[in-house]
Amino acid sequence: MRQTRKVLTVPSNGQISIGKRWAGREVMVEMVDDNRMVITAGTFIPHDLSAFYTKEAQAQLEDFNRWSQKTPARKTNLNQLRKRLGRKT
């Protein structure tokens, strides 16, 4: 991709258009300093979901996937489950 530059004048509402090719894409806007910003396209993880993307979480998911592949599903007896949980049937 060749580098291009575009000079824009920011209108009074503070909004600029970066072009239709960016439409619908997720971007990160970094304010580097008072005179410079960097716009980067990508996929970004919200802070409240970041725990699911750690190495530990990925390892636990891989362990679960291995377990579920070798452990056949079986029908649950709801009466027994309620008793185990200490609830009335």
Foldseek 3Di string as FASTA:
>chain_A
DDDDDDDDDQDPVRDDDPDDVCPPFDWDWADPDPVDIDIGTDDDDDPVCVVCVDPVNVVVVVVVVVVPVPDDDDDDDVCVVCVVVVHHD
